[in-house]
């Protein structure tokens, strides 16, 4: 697992907890690019979509 993936996914999770779903979504998409396997890439994609839906509900 790359350090970029770990750093970006940790940052995205923190943003989610803080309610900053728009920034978290962007961070999840960046983390997806650094994922070293399909499962991690899929997880990032799912989290990004979740953040998008939460952001849309907040509008």
PDB file of N, CA and C in Angstrom:
ATOM      1  N   UNK A   1       0.849  -1.167   0.000  1.00  0.00           N
ATOM      2  CA  UNK A   1       0.000   0.000   0.000  1.00  0.00           C
ATOM      3  C   UNK A   1       0.900   1.237   0.000  1.00  0.00           C
ATOM      4  N   UNK A   2       0.666   2.124  -0.936  1.00  0.00           N
ATOM      5  CA  UNK A   2       1.514   3.305  -1.038  1.00  0.00           C
ATOM      6  C   UNK A   2       1.194   4.311   0.066  1.00  0.00           C
ATOM      7  N   UNK A   3       2.200   5.094   0.410  1.00  0.00           N
ATOM      8  CA  UNK A   3       1.976   6.102   1.442  1.00  0.00           C
ATOM      9  C   UNK A   3       1.011   7.175   0.943  1.00  0.00           C
ATOM     10  N   UNK A   4       1.008   7.451  -0.353  1.00  0.00           N
ATOM     11  CA  UNK A   4       0.070   8.436  -0.905  1.00  0.00           C
ATOM     12  C   UNK A   4      -1.362   7.947  -0.729  1.00  0.00           C
ATOM     13  N   UNK A   5      -1.593   6.666  -0.984  1.00  0.00           N
ATOM     14  CA  UNK A   5      -2.929   6.109  -0.807  1.00  0.00           C
ATOM     15  C   UNK A   5      -3.354   6.208   0.652  1.00  0.00           C
ATOM     16  N   UNK A   6      -2.483   5.803   1.564  1.00  0.00           N
ATOM     17  CA  UNK A   6      -2.816   5.845   2.991  1.00  0.00           C
ATOM     18  C   UNK A   6      -3.086   7.272   3.445  1.00  0.00           C
ATOM     19  N   UNK A   7      -2.237   8.204   3.028  1.00  0.00           N
ATOM     20  CA  UNK A   7      -2.410   9.603   3.435  1.00  0.00           C
ATOM     21  C   UNK A   7      -3.707  10.187   2.888  1.00  0.00           C
ATOM     22  N   UNK A   8      -3.965   9.939   1.606  1.00  0.00           N
ATOM     23  CA  UNK A   8      -5.175  10.492   0.989  1.00  0.00           C
ATOM     24  C   UNK A   8      -6.445   9.868   1.549  1.00  0.00           C
ATOM     25  N   UNK A   9      -6.430   8.566   1.781  1.00  0.00           N
ATOM     26  CA  UNK A   9      -7.636   7.937   2.315  1.00  0.00           C
ATOM     27  C   UNK A   9      -7.883   8.365   3.762  1.00  0.00           C
ATOM     28  N   UNK A  10      -6.836   8.536   4.540  1.00  0.00           N
ATOM     29  CA  UNK A  10      -7.000   9.027   5.913  1.00  0.00           C
ATOM     30  C   UNK A  10      -7.537  10.457   5.910  1.00  0.00           C
ATOM     31  N   UNK A  11      -7.014  11.269   5.015  1.00  0.00           N
ATOM     32  CA  UNK A  11      -7.476  12.657   4.900  1.00  0.00           C
ATOM     33  C   UNK A  11      -8.941  12.697   4.465  1.00  0.00           C
ATOM     34  N   UNK A  12      -9.308  11.870   3.511  1.00  0.00           N
ATOM     35  CA  UNK A  12     -10.695  11.827   3.038  1.00  0.00           C
ATOM     36  C   UNK A  12     -11.640  11.391   4.148  1.00  0.00           C
ATOM     37  N   UNK A  13     -11.248  10.379   4.912  1.00  0.00           N
ATOM     38  CA  UNK A  13     -12.085   9.903   6.014  1.00  0.00           C
ATOM     39  C   UNK A  13     -12.269  10.991   7.068  1.00  0.00           C
ATOM     40  N   UNK A  14     -11.220  11.726   7.348  1.00  0.00           N
ATOM     41  CA  UNK A  14     -11.299  12.825   8.318  1.00  0.00           C
ATOM     42  C   UNK A  14     -12.256  13.906   7.813  1.00  0.00           C
ATOM     43  N   UNK A  15     -12.159  14.232   6.535  1.00  0.00           N
ATOM     44  CA  UNK A  15     -13.054  15.233   5.953  1.00  0.00           C
ATOM     45  C   UNK A  15     -14.507  14.785   6.034  1.00  0.00           C
ATOM     46  N   UNK A  16     -14.733  13.502   5.792  1.00  0.00           N
ATOM     47  CA  UNK A  16     -16.094  12.964   5.921  1.00  0.00           C
ATOM     48  C   UNK A  16     -16.614  13.148   7.333  1.00  0.00           C
ATOM     49  N   UNK A  17     -15.801  12.780   8.315  1.00  0.00           N
ATOM     50  CA  UNK A  17     -16.222  12.903   9.718  1.00  0.00           C
ATOM     51  C   UNK A  17     -16.533  14.349  10.076  1.00  0.00           C
ATOM     52  N   UNK A  18     -15.814  15.270   9.469  1.00  0.00           N
ATOM     53  CA  UNK A  18     -16.017  16.695   9.738  1.00  0.00           C
ATOM     54  C   UNK A  18     -17.181  17.275   8.935  1.00  0.00           C
ATOM     55  N   UNK A  19     -17.766  16.468   8.052  1.00  0.00           N
ATOM     56  CA  UNK A  19     -18.905  16.918   7.270  1.00  0.00           C
ATOM     57  C   UNK A  19     -18.545  17.639   5.982  1.00  0.00           C
ATOM     58  N   UNK A  20     -17.281  17.646   5.619  1.00  0.00           N
ATOM     59  CA  UNK A  20     -16.834  18.301   4.396  1.00  0.00           C
ATOM     60  C   UNK A  20     -16.849  17.286   3.250  1.00  0.00           C
ATOM     61  N   UNK A  21     -18.058  16.930   2.812  1.00  0.00           N
ATOM     62  CA  UNK A  21     -18.203  15.831   1.858  1.00  0.00           C
ATOM     63  C   UNK A  21     -17.716  16.184   0.452  1.00  0.00           C
ATOM     64  N   UNK A  22     -17.779  17.447   0.095  1.00  0.00           N
ATOM     65  CA  UNK A  22     -17.308  17.839  -1.239  1.00  0.00           C
ATOM     66  C   UNK A  22     -15.793  17.626  -1.354  1.00  0.00           C
ATOM     67  N   UNK A  23     -15.063  18.106  -0.374  1.00  0.00           N
ATOM     68  CA  UNK A  23     -13.600  17.928  -0.378  1.00  0.00           C
ATOM     69  C   UNK A  23     -13.238  16.456  -0.181  1.00  0.00           C
ATOM     70  N   UNK A  24     -14.010  15.754   0.653  1.00  0.00           N
ATOM     71  CA  UNK A  24     -13.747  14.328   0.878  1.00  0.00           C
ATOM     72  C   UNK A  24     -13.899  13.553  -0.421  1.00  0.00           C
ATOM     73  N   UNK A  25     -14.914  13.884  -1.196  1.00  0.00           N
ATOM     74  CA  UNK A  25     -15.123  13.201  -2.478  1.00  0.00           C
ATOM     75  C   UNK A  25     -13.905  13.362  -3.387  1.00  0.00           C
ATOM     76  N   UNK A  26     -13.413  14.585  -3.483  1.00  0.00           N
ATOM     77  CA  UNK A  26     -12.236  14.819  -4.326  1.00  0.00           C
ATOM     78  C   UNK A  26     -11.029  14.033  -3.820  1.00  0.00           C
ATOM     79  N   UNK A  27     -10.893  13.968  -2.515  1.00  0.00           N
ATOM     80  CA  UNK A  27      -9.770  13.239  -1.928  1.00  0.00           C
ATOM     81  C   UNK A  27      -9.903  11.736  -2.163  1.00  0.00           C
ATOM     82  N   UNK A  28     -11.115  11.196  -2.050  1.00  0.00           N
ATOM     83  CA  UNK A  28     -11.335   9.770  -2.332  1.00  0.00           C
ATOM     84  C   UNK A  28     -10.978   9.457  -3.783  1.00  0.00           C
ATOM     85  N   UNK A  29     -11.345  10.356  -4.712  1.00  0.00           N
ATOM     86  CA  UNK A  29     -11.031  10.115  -6.126  1.00  0.00           C
ATOM     87  C   UNK A  29      -9.515  10.111  -6.351  1.00  0.00           C
ATOM     88  N   UNK A  30      -8.800  10.991  -5.653  1.00  0.00           N
ATOM     89  CA  UNK A  30      -7.332  10.994  -5.766  1.00  0.00           C
ATOM     90  C   UNK A  30      -6.751   9.711  -5.176  1.00  0.00           C
ATOM     91  N   UNK A  31      -7.274   9.306  -4.018  1.00  0.00           N
ATOM     92  CA  UNK A  31      -6.783   8.075  -3.382  1.00  0.00           C
ATOM     93  C   UNK A  31      -7.005   6.871  -4.292  1.00  0.00           C
ATOM     94  N   UNK A  32      -8.127   6.869  -4.999  1.00  0.00           N
ATOM     95  CA  UNK A  32      -8.430   5.764  -5.920  1.00  0.00           C
ATOM     96  C   UNK A  32      -7.320   5.575  -6.950  1.00  0.00           C
ATOM     97  N   UNK A  33      -6.745   6.667  -7.399  1.00  0.00           N
ATOM     98  CA  UNK A  33      -5.677   6.595  -8.395  1.00  0.00           C
ATOM     99  C   UNK A  33      -4.412   5.934  -7.837  1.00  0.00           C
ATOM    100  N   UNK A  34      -4.244   5.973  -6.522  1.00  0.00           N
ATOM    101  CA  UNK A  34      -3.068   5.380  -5.892  1.00  0.00           C
ATOM    102  C   UNK A  34      -3.323   3.997  -5.299  1.00  0.00           C
ATOM    103  N   UNK A  35      -4.541   3.510  -5.410  1.00  0.00           N
ATOM    104  CA  UNK A  35      -4.876   2.205  -4.842  1.00  0.00           C
ATOM    105  C   UNK A  35      -4.040   1.112  -5.508  1.00  0.00           C
ATOM    106  N   UNK A  36      -3.574   0.178  -4.691  1.00  0.00           N
ATOM    107  CA  UNK A  36      -2.701  -0.877  -5.227  1.00  0.00           C
ATOM    108  C   UNK A  36      -3.455  -2.153  -5.575  1.00  0.00           C
ATOM    109  N   UNK A  37      -4.780  -2.156  -5.348  1.00  0.00           N
ATOM    110  CA  UNK A  37      -5.564  -3.320  -5.747  1.00  0.00           C
ATOM    111  C   UNK A  37      -7.006  -2.904  -6.035  1.00  0.00           C
ATOM    112  N   UNK A  38      -7.746  -3.801  -6.639  1.00  0.00           N
ATOM    113  CA  UNK A  38      -9.111  -3.488  -7.056  1.00  0.00           C
ATOM    114  C   UNK A  38     -10.039  -3.225  -5.877  1.00  0.00           C
ATOM    115  N   UNK A  39      -9.822  -3.942  -4.790  1.00  0.00           N
ATOM    116  CA  UNK A  39     -10.688  -3.765  -3.616  1.00  0.00           C
ATOM    117  C   UNK A  39     -10.544  -2.354  -3.045  1.00  0.00           C
ATOM    118  N   UNK A  40      -9.315  -1.874  -2.926  1.00  0.00           N
ATOM    119  CA  UNK A  40      -9.103  -0.522  -2.416  1.00  0.00           C
ATOM    120  C   UNK A  40      -9.639   0.523  -3.387  1.00  0.00           C
ATOM    121  N   UNK A  41      -9.437   0.304  -4.668  1.00  0.00           N
ATOM    122  CA  UNK A  41      -9.947   1.242  -5.671  1.00  0.00           C
ATOM    123  C   UNK A  41     -11.472   1.286  -5.621  1.00  0.00           C
ATOM    124  N   UNK A  42     -12.089   0.126  -5.483  1.00  0.00           N
ATOM    125  CA  UNK A  42     -13.550   0.062  -5.408  1.00  0.00           C
ATOM    126  C   UNK A  42     -14.049   0.786  -4.153  1.00  0.00           C
ATOM    127  N   UNK A  43     -13.391   0.574  -3.027  1.00  0.00           N
ATOM    128  CA  UNK A  43     -13.772   1.235  -1.784  1.00  0.00           C
ATOM    129  C   UNK A  43     -13.718   2.760  -1.956  1.00  0.00           C
ATOM    130  N   UNK A  44     -12.668   3.254  -2.555  1.00  0.00           N
ATOM    131  CA  UNK A  44     -12.541   4.699  -2.775  1.00  0.00           C
ATOM    132  C   UNK A  44     -13.655   5.212  -3.670  1.00  0.00           C
ATOM    133  N   UNK A  45     -13.974   4.470  -4.698  1.00  0.00           N
ATOM    134  CA  UNK A  45     -15.044   4.851  -5.610  1.00  0.00           C
ATOM    135  C   UNK A  45     -16.395   4.904  -4.893  1.00  0.00           C
ATOM    136  N   UNK A  46     -16.656   3.907  -4.064  1.00  0.00           N
ATOM    137  CA  UNK A  46     -17.910   3.851  -3.305  1.00  0.00           C
ATOM    138  C   UNK A  46     -17.990   5.014  -2.320  1.00  0.00           C
ATOM    139  N   UNK A  47     -16.896   5.295  -1.636  1.00  0.00           N
ATOM    140  CA  UNK A  47     -16.892   6.410  -0.679  1.00  0.00           C
ATOM    141  C   UNK A  47     -17.094   7.737  -1.408  1.00  0.00           C
ATOM    142  N   UNK A  48     -16.471   7.900  -2.573  1.00  0.00           N
ATOM    143  CA  UNK A  48     -16.635   9.135  -3.344  1.00  0.00           C
ATOM    144  C   UNK A  48     -18.097   9.323  -3.752  1.00  0.00           C
ATOM    145  N   UNK A  49     -18.741   8.240  -4.174  1.00  0.00           N
ATOM    146  CA  UNK A  49     -20.159   8.323  -4.542  1.00  0.00           C
ATOM    147  C   UNK A  49     -21.028   8.624  -3.326  1.00  0.00           C
ATOM    148  N   UNK A  50     -20.688   8.046  -2.192  1.00  0.00           N
ATOM    149  CA  UNK A  50     -21.416   8.334  -0.956  1.00  0.00           C
ATOM    150  C   UNK A  50     -21.295   9.821  -0.615  1.00  0.00           C
ATOM    151  N   UNK A  51     -20.098  10.356  -0.714  1.00  0.00           N
ATOM    152  CA  UNK A  51     -19.888  11.773  -0.417  1.00  0.00           C
ATOM    153  C   UNK A  51     -20.678  12.649  -1.381  1.00  0.00           C
ATOM    154  N   UNK A  52     -20.717  12.251  -2.638  1.00  0.00           N
ATOM    155  CA  UNK A  52     -21.496  13.007  -3.620  1.00  0.00           C
ATOM    156  C   UNK A  52     -22.965  13.018  -3.236  1.00  0.00           C
ATOM    157  N   UNK A  53     -23.501  11.885  -2.818  1.00  0.00           N
ATOM    158  CA  UNK A  53     -24.916  11.831  -2.441  1.00  0.00           C
ATOM    159  C   UNK A  53     -25.176  12.641  -1.181  1.00  0.00           C
ATOM    160  N   UNK A  54     -24.262  12.598  -0.212  1.00  0.00           N
ATOM    161  CA  UNK A  54     -24.434  13.382   1.022  1.00  0.00           C
ATOM    162  C   UNK A  54     -24.359  14.878   0.724  1.00  0.00           C
ATOM    163  N   UNK A  55     -23.459  15.246  -0.169  1.00  0.00           N
ATOM    164  CA  UNK A  55     -23.319  16.659  -0.536  1.00  0.00           C
ATOM    165  C   UNK A  55     -24.602  17.152  -1.228  1.00  0.00           C
ATOM    166  N   UNK A  56     -25.147  16.319  -2.099  1.00  0.00           N
ATOM    167  CA  UNK A  56     -26.368  16.701  -2.803  1.00  0.00           C
ATOM    168  C   UNK A  56     -27.532  16.864  -1.828  1.00  0.00           C
ATOM    169  N   UNK A  57     -27.609  16.006  -0.824  1.00  0.00           N
ATOM    170  CA  UNK A  57     -28.681  16.106   0.176  1.00  0.00           C
ATOM    171  C   UNK A  57     -28.551  17.371   1.014  1.00  0.00           C
ATOM    172  N   UNK A  58     -27.321  17.818   1.217  1.00  0.00           N
ATOM    173  CA  UNK A  58     -27.083  18.997   2.048  1.00  0.00           C
ATOM    174  C   UNK A  58     -27.419  20.300   1.325  1.00  0.00           C
ATOM    175  N   UNK A  59     -27.550  20.223   0.029  1.00  0.00           N
ATOM    176  CA  UNK A  59     -27.826  21.442  -0.762  1.00  0.00           C
ATOM    177  C   UNK A  59     -29.252  21.864  -0.681  1.00  0.00           C
TER     178      UNK A  59
END
